[in-house]
Amino acid sequence: MARSTTTGREGIRYGDARQTLLDAVGAQLAIRGPRAVVLADICEELDLSPALVNYHFGGRDRLLAEAVVHEHAKLVEGMNAVTFAVTSSAEDQFRARFRYRFDWTTAHPGIDSMLNYTHVLDPVGEILNQEFEARVSEITIADMGGLSATVAALYHGHPINHELTADDPLYRPEFADLTAFVALSALGAATFLTGNHPGSKSLSAQYPALLASLRDDFTTRVIAHLHFEFAQLD
């Protein structure tokens, strides 16, 4: 009889333990942030040996870093998917991407704070080493490719269904600065309004209707500013 490849009351296969830990830690980080994540409790809940943390990740800090990178990749993948699914208009495409980013930040304030305040995770710069930096860089390139597509779509007046690169015929060199402006504006607004970070309490939990109004008004202002900038290009 073949030996079972599962363990614990959840029936987790040994080969799936790494991903199961990533998902469980990511879910805790999303809401509570790194200081509230107790790996012993998570392992007990999953009926997994705590030794698997060291086996798969080399320790708690690297597991947290891995979970943040994993969740960041899922954010960008989801954001780009939503963006390119919109075919009604360039403005609808732009708004869909912003809504997704704001909604994600509302649901993942702990991870948002770790992405944008890396000292929370890595105060002495020993965890987010070259390995993680390279992966974050790849994710960021995909993020900027999707965002650049929405900027170019507004300029050309029709949705674009793929990440935009500098060699794309729809691209203009001026889009680089405009994409950077939009990225920083969206990140700052989403984090301030819905995130969980030093010096600010999230508005999303107390005033969801106000948050939606501020989000939509902010998006409208960014679109208006982009059209103003486009007029200077022509």
C-alpha atoms as a PDB file:
ATOM      1  CA  MET A   1       0.000   0.000   0.000  1.00  0.00           C
ATOM      2  CA  ALA A   2       1.344   3.436  -0.943  1.00  0.00           C
ATOM      3  CA  ARG A   3       2.427   5.686   1.895  1.00  0.00           C
ATOM      4  CA  SER A   4       0.156   8.670   2.527  1.00  0.00           C
ATOM      5  CA  THR A   5       1.481  12.029   1.423  1.00  0.00           C
ATOM      6  CA  THR A   6      -0.765  14.032   3.727  1.00  0.00           C
ATOM      7  CA  THR A   7      -0.390  15.262   7.276  1.00  0.00           C
ATOM      8  CA  GLY A   8      -2.583  16.828   9.943  1.00  0.00           C
ATOM      9  CA  ARG A   9      -6.322  17.317  10.268  1.00  0.00           C
ATOM     10  CA  GLU A  10      -6.414  19.643   7.262  1.00  0.00           C
ATOM     11  CA  GLY A  11      -5.030  16.879   5.022  1.00  0.00           C
ATOM     12  CA  ILE A  12      -2.136  19.067   3.876  1.00  0.00           C
ATOM     13  CA  ARG A  13       0.251  17.232   1.595  1.00  0.00           C
ATOM     14  CA  TYR A  14       3.899  17.495   2.599  1.00  0.00           C
ATOM     15  CA  GLY A  15       4.718  19.081  -0.740  1.00  0.00           C
ATOM     16  CA  ASP A  16       2.042  21.721  -0.161  1.00  0.00           C
ATOM     17  CA  ALA A  17       3.188  22.785   3.308  1.00  0.00           C
ATOM     18  CA  ARG A  18       5.326  25.643   1.984  1.00  0.00           C
ATOM     19  CA  GLN A  19       2.468  27.220   0.039  1.00  0.00           C
ATOM     20  CA  THR A  20       0.036  26.599   2.883  1.00  0.00           C
ATOM     21  CA  LEU A  21       2.294  28.466   5.290  1.00  0.00           C
ATOM     22  CA  LEU A  22       2.714  31.332   2.799  1.00  0.00           C
ATOM     23  CA  ASP A  23      -1.040  31.677   2.358  1.00  0.00           C
ATOM     24  CA  ALA A  24      -1.759  31.491   6.090  1.00  0.00           C
ATOM     25  CA  VAL A  25       0.919  34.037   7.015  1.00  0.00           C
ATOM     26  CA  GLY A  26      -0.159  36.300   4.150  1.00  0.00           C
ATOM     27  CA  ALA A  27      -3.737  36.262   5.447  1.00  0.00           C
ATOM     28  CA  GLN A  28      -2.542  37.227   8.946  1.00  0.00           C
ATOM     29  CA  LEU A  29      -0.199  39.913   7.652  1.00  0.00           C
ATOM     30  CA  ALA A  30      -2.947  41.384   5.515  1.00  0.00           C
ATOM     31  CA  ILE A  31      -5.008  42.443   8.508  1.00  0.00           C
ATOM     32  CA  ARG A  32      -2.731  42.479  11.525  1.00  0.00           C
ATOM     33  CA  GLY A  33       0.776  43.328  10.348  1.00  0.00           C
ATOM     34  CA  PRO A  34       4.021  41.524  11.217  1.00  0.00           C
ATOM     35  CA  ARG A  35       4.132  42.036  14.961  1.00  0.00           C
ATOM     36  CA  ALA A  36       0.830  40.221  15.480  1.00  0.00           C
ATOM     37  CA  VAL A  37       1.813  37.127  13.480  1.00  0.00           C
ATOM     38  CA  VAL A  38       2.503  34.219  15.843  1.00  0.00           C
ATOM     39  CA  LEU A  39       3.884  31.341  13.810  1.00  0.00           C
ATOM     40  CA  ALA A  40       3.413  28.825  16.630  1.00  0.00           C
ATOM     41  CA  ASP A  41      -0.323  29.527  16.597  1.00  0.00           C
ATOM     42  CA  ILE A  42      -0.497  29.316  12.809  1.00  0.00           C
ATOM     43  CA  CYS A  43       1.367  26.008  12.761  1.00  0.00           C
ATOM     44  CA  GLU A  44      -0.865  24.635  15.500  1.00  0.00           C
ATOM     45  CA  GLU A  45      -3.984  25.683  13.601  1.00  0.00           C
ATOM     46  CA  LEU A  46      -2.688  24.005  10.433  1.00  0.00           C
ATOM     47  CA  ASP A  47      -1.386  21.011  12.395  1.00  0.00           C
ATOM     48  CA  LEU A  48       2.055  21.520  10.884  1.00  0.00           C
ATOM     49  CA  SER A  49       5.380  21.190  12.649  1.00  0.00           C
ATOM     50  CA  PRO A  50       7.013  24.575  13.432  1.00  0.00           C
ATOM     51  CA  ALA A  51      10.223  23.014  12.138  1.00  0.00           C
ATOM     52  CA  LEU A  52       8.792  23.372   8.636  1.00  0.00           C
ATOM     53  CA  VAL A  53       9.233  27.146   8.901  1.00  0.00           C
ATOM     54  CA  ASN A  54      12.995  26.754   9.131  1.00  0.00           C
ATOM     55  CA  TYR A  55      13.009  23.917   6.612  1.00  0.00           C
ATOM     56  CA  HIS A  56      11.195  25.853   3.883  1.00  0.00           C
ATOM     57  CA  PHE A  57      12.161  29.445   4.676  1.00  0.00           C
ATOM     58  CA  GLY A  58      15.139  29.486   7.002  1.00  0.00           C
ATOM     59  CA  GLY A  59      13.320  31.328   9.785  1.00  0.00           C
ATOM     60  CA  ARG A  60      10.467  33.645  10.710  1.00  0.00           C
ATOM     61  CA  ASP A  61      11.828  36.824   9.091  1.00  0.00           C
ATOM     62  CA  ARG A  62      12.411  35.208   5.733  1.00  0.00           C
ATOM     63  CA  LEU A  63       8.950  33.651   5.822  1.00  0.00           C
ATOM     64  CA  LEU A  64       7.407  37.091   6.433  1.00  0.00           C
ATOM     65  CA  ALA A  65       9.461  38.596   3.599  1.00  0.00           C
ATOM     66  CA  GLU A  66       8.481  35.748   1.296  1.00  0.00           C
ATOM     67  CA  ALA A  67       4.813  36.220   2.179  1.00  0.00           C
ATOM     68  CA  VAL A  68       4.956  39.957   1.459  1.00  0.00           C
ATOM     69  CA  VAL A  69       6.599  39.395  -1.939  1.00  0.00           C
ATOM     70  CA  HIS A  70       4.060  36.655  -2.707  1.00  0.00           C
ATOM     71  CA  GLU A  71       1.113  38.913  -1.830  1.00  0.00           C
ATOM     72  CA  HIS A  72       2.630  41.824  -3.772  1.00  0.00           C
ATOM     73  CA  ALA A  73       2.874  39.615  -6.868  1.00  0.00           C
ATOM     74  CA  LYS A  74      -0.774  38.596  -6.453  1.00  0.00           C
ATOM     75  CA  LEU A  75      -1.764  42.273  -6.164  1.00  0.00           C
ATOM     76  CA  VAL A  76      -0.057  43.249  -9.417  1.00  0.00           C
ATOM     77  CA  GLU A  77      -1.340  40.165 -11.235  1.00  0.00           C
ATOM     78  CA  GLY A  78      -4.891  40.915 -10.124  1.00  0.00           C
ATOM     79  CA  MET A  79      -4.599  44.619 -10.866  1.00  0.00           C
ATOM     80  CA  ASN A  80      -3.330  43.995 -14.389  1.00  0.00           C
ATOM     81  CA  ALA A  81      -6.027  41.370 -15.015  1.00  0.00           C
ATOM     82  CA  VAL A  82      -8.764  43.800 -13.974  1.00  0.00           C
ATOM     83  CA  THR A  83      -7.198  46.568 -16.040  1.00  0.00           C
ATOM     84  CA  PHE A  84      -6.995  44.615 -19.271  1.00  0.00           C
ATOM     85  CA  ALA A  85     -10.480  43.125 -18.848  1.00  0.00           C
ATOM     86  CA  VAL A  86     -12.067  46.574 -19.270  1.00  0.00           C
ATOM     87  CA  THR A  87     -12.907  47.347 -22.893  1.00  0.00           C
ATOM     88  CA  SER A  88     -15.614  50.005 -22.539  1.00  0.00           C
ATOM     89  CA  SER A  89     -13.388  53.098 -22.442  1.00  0.00           C
ATOM     90  CA  ALA A  90      -9.930  54.269 -21.457  1.00  0.00           C
ATOM     91  CA  GLU A  91     -11.331  56.191 -18.488  1.00  0.00           C
ATOM     92  CA  ASP A  92     -13.272  53.152 -17.256  1.00  0.00           C
ATOM     93  CA  GLN A  93     -10.052  51.144 -17.508  1.00  0.00           C
ATOM     94  CA  PHE A  94      -8.143  53.722 -15.486  1.00  0.00           C
ATOM     95  CA  ARG A  95     -10.846  53.876 -12.811  1.00  0.00           C
ATOM     96  CA  ALA A  96     -11.047  50.081 -12.569  1.00  0.00           C
ATOM     97  CA  ARG A  97      -7.338  49.886 -11.803  1.00  0.00           C
ATOM     98  CA  PHE A  98      -7.581  52.576  -9.115  1.00  0.00           C
ATOM     99  CA  ARG A  99     -10.589  50.922  -7.483  1.00  0.00           C
ATOM    100  CA  TYR A 100      -8.769  47.620  -7.343  1.00  0.00           C
ATOM    101  CA  ARG A 101      -5.719  49.234  -5.733  1.00  0.00           C
ATOM    102  CA  PHE A 102      -7.799  51.050  -3.118  1.00  0.00           C
ATOM    103  CA  ASP A 103      -9.926  47.991  -2.358  1.00  0.00           C
ATOM    104  CA  TRP A 104      -6.827  45.806  -2.020  1.00  0.00           C
ATOM    105  CA  THR A 105      -5.223  48.260   0.388  1.00  0.00           C
ATOM    106  CA  THR A 106      -8.406  48.329   2.451  1.00  0.00           C
ATOM    107  CA  ALA A 107      -8.296  44.533   2.731  1.00  0.00           C
ATOM    108  CA  HIS A 108      -4.508  44.275   3.199  1.00  0.00           C
ATOM    109  CA  PRO A 109      -3.440  47.204   5.413  1.00  0.00           C
ATOM    110  CA  GLY A 110      -0.755  45.173   7.175  1.00  0.00           C
ATOM    111  CA  ILE A 111       0.962  44.115   3.965  1.00  0.00           C
ATOM    112  CA  ASP A 112       0.576  47.582   2.482  1.00  0.00           C
ATOM    113  CA  SER A 113       2.439  49.035   5.456  1.00  0.00           C
ATOM    114  CA  MET A 114       5.226  46.484   5.019  1.00  0.00           C
ATOM    115  CA  LEU A 115       5.577  47.217   1.297  1.00  0.00           C
ATOM    116  CA  ASN A 116       5.802  50.949   1.824  1.00  0.00           C
ATOM    117  CA  TYR A 117       7.528  51.087   5.198  1.00  0.00           C
ATOM    118  CA  THR A 118      10.148  48.372   4.805  1.00  0.00           C
ATOM    119  CA  HIS A 119      11.789  49.197   8.136  1.00  0.00           C
ATOM    120  CA  VAL A 120       8.763  47.547   9.759  1.00  0.00           C
ATOM    121  CA  LEU A 121       9.912  44.246   8.313  1.00  0.00           C
ATOM    122  CA  ASP A 122      13.630  44.814   7.903  1.00  0.00           C
ATOM    123  CA  PRO A 123      14.920  47.499  10.298  1.00  0.00           C
ATOM    124  CA  VAL A 124      18.600  46.760   9.683  1.00  0.00           C
ATOM    125  CA  GLY A 125      18.388  45.758   6.022  1.00  0.00           C
ATOM    126  CA  GLU A 126      19.392  42.113   6.397  1.00  0.00           C
ATOM    127  CA  ILE A 127      16.244  40.343   5.168  1.00  0.00           C
ATOM    128  CA  LEU A 128      15.299  42.089   1.928  1.00  0.00           C
ATOM    129  CA  ASN A 129      18.559  41.117   0.294  1.00  0.00           C
ATOM    130  CA  GLN A 130      19.429  40.903  -3.380  1.00  0.00           C
ATOM    131  CA  GLU A 131      17.244  37.828  -3.893  1.00  0.00           C
ATOM    132  CA  PHE A 132      14.097  39.583  -2.694  1.00  0.00           C
ATOM    133  CA  GLU A 133      15.056  42.902  -4.274  1.00  0.00           C
ATOM    134  CA  ALA A 134      15.348  41.266  -7.694  1.00  0.00           C
ATOM    135  CA  ARG A 135      11.920  39.666  -7.377  1.00  0.00           C
ATOM    136  CA  VAL A 136      10.307  42.869  -6.144  1.00  0.00           C
ATOM    137  CA  SER A 137      11.889  44.664  -9.098  1.00  0.00           C
ATOM    138  CA  GLU A 138      10.280  42.207 -11.539  1.00  0.00           C
ATOM    139  CA  ILE A 139       6.901  42.687  -9.888  1.00  0.00           C
ATOM    140  CA  THR A 140       7.293  46.466 -10.013  1.00  0.00           C
ATOM    141  CA  ILE A 141       8.119  46.343 -13.738  1.00  0.00           C
ATOM    142  CA  ALA A 142       4.877  44.427 -14.350  1.00  0.00           C
ATOM    143  CA  ASP A 143       3.000  46.967 -12.227  1.00  0.00           C
ATOM    144  CA  MET A 144       4.445  49.917 -14.141  1.00  0.00           C
ATOM    145  CA  GLY A 145       3.744  48.162 -17.452  1.00  0.00           C
ATOM    146  CA  GLY A 146       0.074  47.840 -16.555  1.00  0.00           C
ATOM    147  CA  LEU A 147      -0.165  51.365 -15.210  1.00  0.00           C
ATOM    148  CA  SER A 148       1.645  52.803 -18.218  1.00  0.00           C
ATOM    149  CA  ALA A 149      -0.963  51.119 -20.412  1.00  0.00           C
ATOM    150  CA  THR A 150      -3.747  53.036 -18.650  1.00  0.00           C
ATOM    151  CA  VAL A 151      -1.886  56.331 -19.088  1.00  0.00           C
ATOM    152  CA  ALA A 152      -1.320  55.621 -22.781  1.00  0.00           C
ATOM    153  CA  ALA A 153      -4.950  54.515 -23.140  1.00  0.00           C
ATOM    154  CA  LEU A 154      -6.169  57.887 -21.876  1.00  0.00           C
ATOM    155  CA  TYR A 155      -3.833  59.623 -24.318  1.00  0.00           C
ATOM    156  CA  HIS A 156      -4.894  57.545 -27.339  1.00  0.00           C
ATOM    157  CA  GLY A 157      -8.575  57.467 -26.348  1.00  0.00           C
ATOM    158  CA  HIS A 158      -9.093  53.696 -26.237  1.00  0.00           C
ATOM    159  CA  PRO A 159      -8.308  50.830 -23.810  1.00  0.00           C
ATOM    160  CA  ILE A 160      -5.021  48.940 -24.119  1.00  0.00           C
ATOM    161  CA  ASN A 161      -5.035  45.237 -23.273  1.00  0.00           C
ATOM    162  CA  HIS A 162      -1.356  44.566 -22.525  1.00  0.00           C
ATOM    163  CA  GLU A 163       1.547  45.821 -20.442  1.00  0.00           C
ATOM    164  CA  LEU A 164       3.241  48.727 -22.167  1.00  0.00           C
ATOM    165  CA  THR A 165       6.990  48.796 -22.713  1.00  0.00           C
ATOM    166  CA  ALA A 166       9.265  51.432 -24.204  1.00  0.00           C
ATOM    167  CA  ASP A 167       9.415  49.655 -27.571  1.00  0.00           C
ATOM    168  CA  ASP A 168       5.628  49.496 -27.980  1.00  0.00           C
ATOM    169  CA  PRO A 169       4.304  51.639 -30.868  1.00  0.00           C
ATOM    170  CA  LEU A 170       1.686  53.109 -28.494  1.00  0.00           C
ATOM    171  CA  TYR A 171       4.387  54.332 -26.121  1.00  0.00           C
ATOM    172  CA  ARG A 172       5.779  57.856 -25.900  1.00  0.00           C
ATOM    173  CA  PRO A 173       8.864  58.753 -23.831  1.00  0.00           C
ATOM    174  CA  GLU A 174       6.817  61.361 -21.973  1.00  0.00           C
ATOM    175  CA  PHE A 175       4.655  58.599 -20.527  1.00  0.00           C
ATOM    176  CA  ALA A 176       7.483  57.567 -18.178  1.00  0.00           C
ATOM    177  CA  ASP A 177       7.251  60.688 -16.011  1.00  0.00           C
ATOM    178  CA  LEU A 178       3.453  60.684 -16.139  1.00  0.00           C
ATOM    179  CA  THR A 179       3.304  57.022 -15.091  1.00  0.00           C
ATOM    180  CA  ALA A 180       5.663  57.721 -12.196  1.00  0.00           C
ATOM    181  CA  PHE A 181       3.475  60.660 -11.131  1.00  0.00           C
ATOM    182  CA  VAL A 182       0.332  58.507 -11.223  1.00  0.00           C
ATOM    183  CA  ALA A 183       2.043  55.632  -9.396  1.00  0.00           C
ATOM    184  CA  LEU A 184       3.234  57.799  -6.529  1.00  0.00           C
ATOM    185  CA  SER A 185      -0.080  59.649  -6.332  1.00  0.00           C
ATOM    186  CA  ALA A 186      -2.129  56.457  -6.237  1.00  0.00           C
ATOM    187  CA  LEU A 187       0.189  54.766  -3.763  1.00  0.00           C
ATOM    188  CA  GLY A 188       0.182  57.752  -1.431  1.00  0.00           C
ATOM    189  CA  ALA A 189      -3.573  58.222  -1.564  1.00  0.00           C
ATOM    190  CA  ALA A 190      -4.395  54.525  -1.153  1.00  0.00           C
ATOM    191  CA  THR A 191      -1.978  54.078   1.729  1.00  0.00           C
ATOM    192  CA  PHE A 192      -3.056  57.232   3.540  1.00  0.00           C
ATOM    193  CA  LEU A 193      -6.780  56.673   3.147  1.00  0.00           C
ATOM    194  CA  THR A 194      -6.989  52.924   3.671  1.00  0.00           C
ATOM    195  CA  GLY A 195      -3.663  51.692   4.990  1.00  0.00           C
ATOM    196  CA  ASN A 196      -2.321  50.918   8.440  1.00  0.00           C
ATOM    197  CA  HIS A 197       0.866  52.878   8.867  1.00  0.00           C
ATOM    198  CA  PRO A 198       2.697  55.196  11.270  1.00  0.00           C
ATOM    199  CA  GLY A 199       0.968  58.480  11.977  1.00  0.00           C
ATOM    200  CA  SER A 200      -2.414  57.734  10.440  1.00  0.00           C
ATOM    201  CA  LYS A 201      -5.471  55.663  11.222  1.00  0.00           C
ATOM    202  CA  SER A 202      -7.357  54.114   8.330  1.00  0.00           C
ATOM    203  CA  LEU A 203     -10.495  55.955   7.234  1.00  0.00           C
ATOM    204  CA  SER A 204     -11.843  52.839   5.557  1.00  0.00           C
ATOM    205  CA  ALA A 205     -13.082  51.158   8.729  1.00  0.00           C
ATOM    206  CA  GLN A 206     -14.850  54.203  10.153  1.00  0.00           C
ATOM    207  CA  TYR A 207     -16.066  56.035   7.050  1.00  0.00           C
ATOM    208  CA  PRO A 208     -16.403  53.671   4.065  1.00  0.00           C
ATOM    209  CA  ALA A 209     -18.753  55.992   2.145  1.00  0.00           C
ATOM    210  CA  LEU A 210     -16.387  58.918   2.619  1.00  0.00           C
ATOM    211  CA  LEU A 211     -13.502  56.757   1.470  1.00  0.00           C
ATOM    212  CA  ALA A 212     -15.310  55.836  -1.752  1.00  0.00           C
ATOM    213  CA  SER A 213     -16.116  59.494  -2.413  1.00  0.00           C
ATOM    214  CA  LEU A 214     -12.531  60.586  -1.790  1.00  0.00           C
ATOM    215  CA  ARG A 215     -11.193  57.747  -3.952  1.00  0.00           C
ATOM    216  CA  ASP A 216     -13.428  58.629  -6.893  1.00  0.00           C
ATOM    217  CA  ASP A 217     -12.789  62.360  -6.572  1.00  0.00           C
ATOM    218  CA  PHE A 218      -9.062  61.731  -6.420  1.00  0.00           C
ATOM    219  CA  THR A 219      -9.207  59.531  -9.525  1.00  0.00           C
ATOM    220  CA  THR A 220     -11.169  62.191 -11.407  1.00  0.00           C
ATOM    221  CA  ARG A 221      -8.558  64.805 -10.517  1.00  0.00           C
ATOM    222  CA  VAL A 222      -5.706  62.572 -11.673  1.00  0.00           C
ATOM    223  CA  ILE A 223      -7.457  61.936 -14.993  1.00  0.00           C
ATOM    224  CA  ALA A 224      -8.037  65.676 -15.469  1.00  0.00           C
ATOM    225  CA  HIS A 225      -4.381  66.382 -14.729  1.00  0.00           C
ATOM    226  CA  LEU A 226      -3.262  63.751 -17.236  1.00  0.00           C
ATOM    227  CA  HIS A 227      -5.437  65.277 -19.953  1.00  0.00           C
ATOM    228  CA  PHE A 228      -3.864  68.653 -19.177  1.00  0.00           C
ATOM    229  CA  GLU A 229      -0.406  67.110 -19.532  1.00  0.00           C
ATOM    230  CA  PHE A 230      -1.415  65.393 -22.782  1.00  0.00           C
ATOM    231  CA  ALA A 231      -2.448  68.733 -24.229  1.00  0.00           C
ATOM    232  CA  GLN A 232       1.095  70.004 -23.675  1.00  0.00           C
ATOM    233  CA  LEU A 233       2.492  67.060 -25.665  1.00  0.00           C
ATOM    234  CA  ASP A 234       0.505  67.742 -28.831  1.00  0.00           C
END
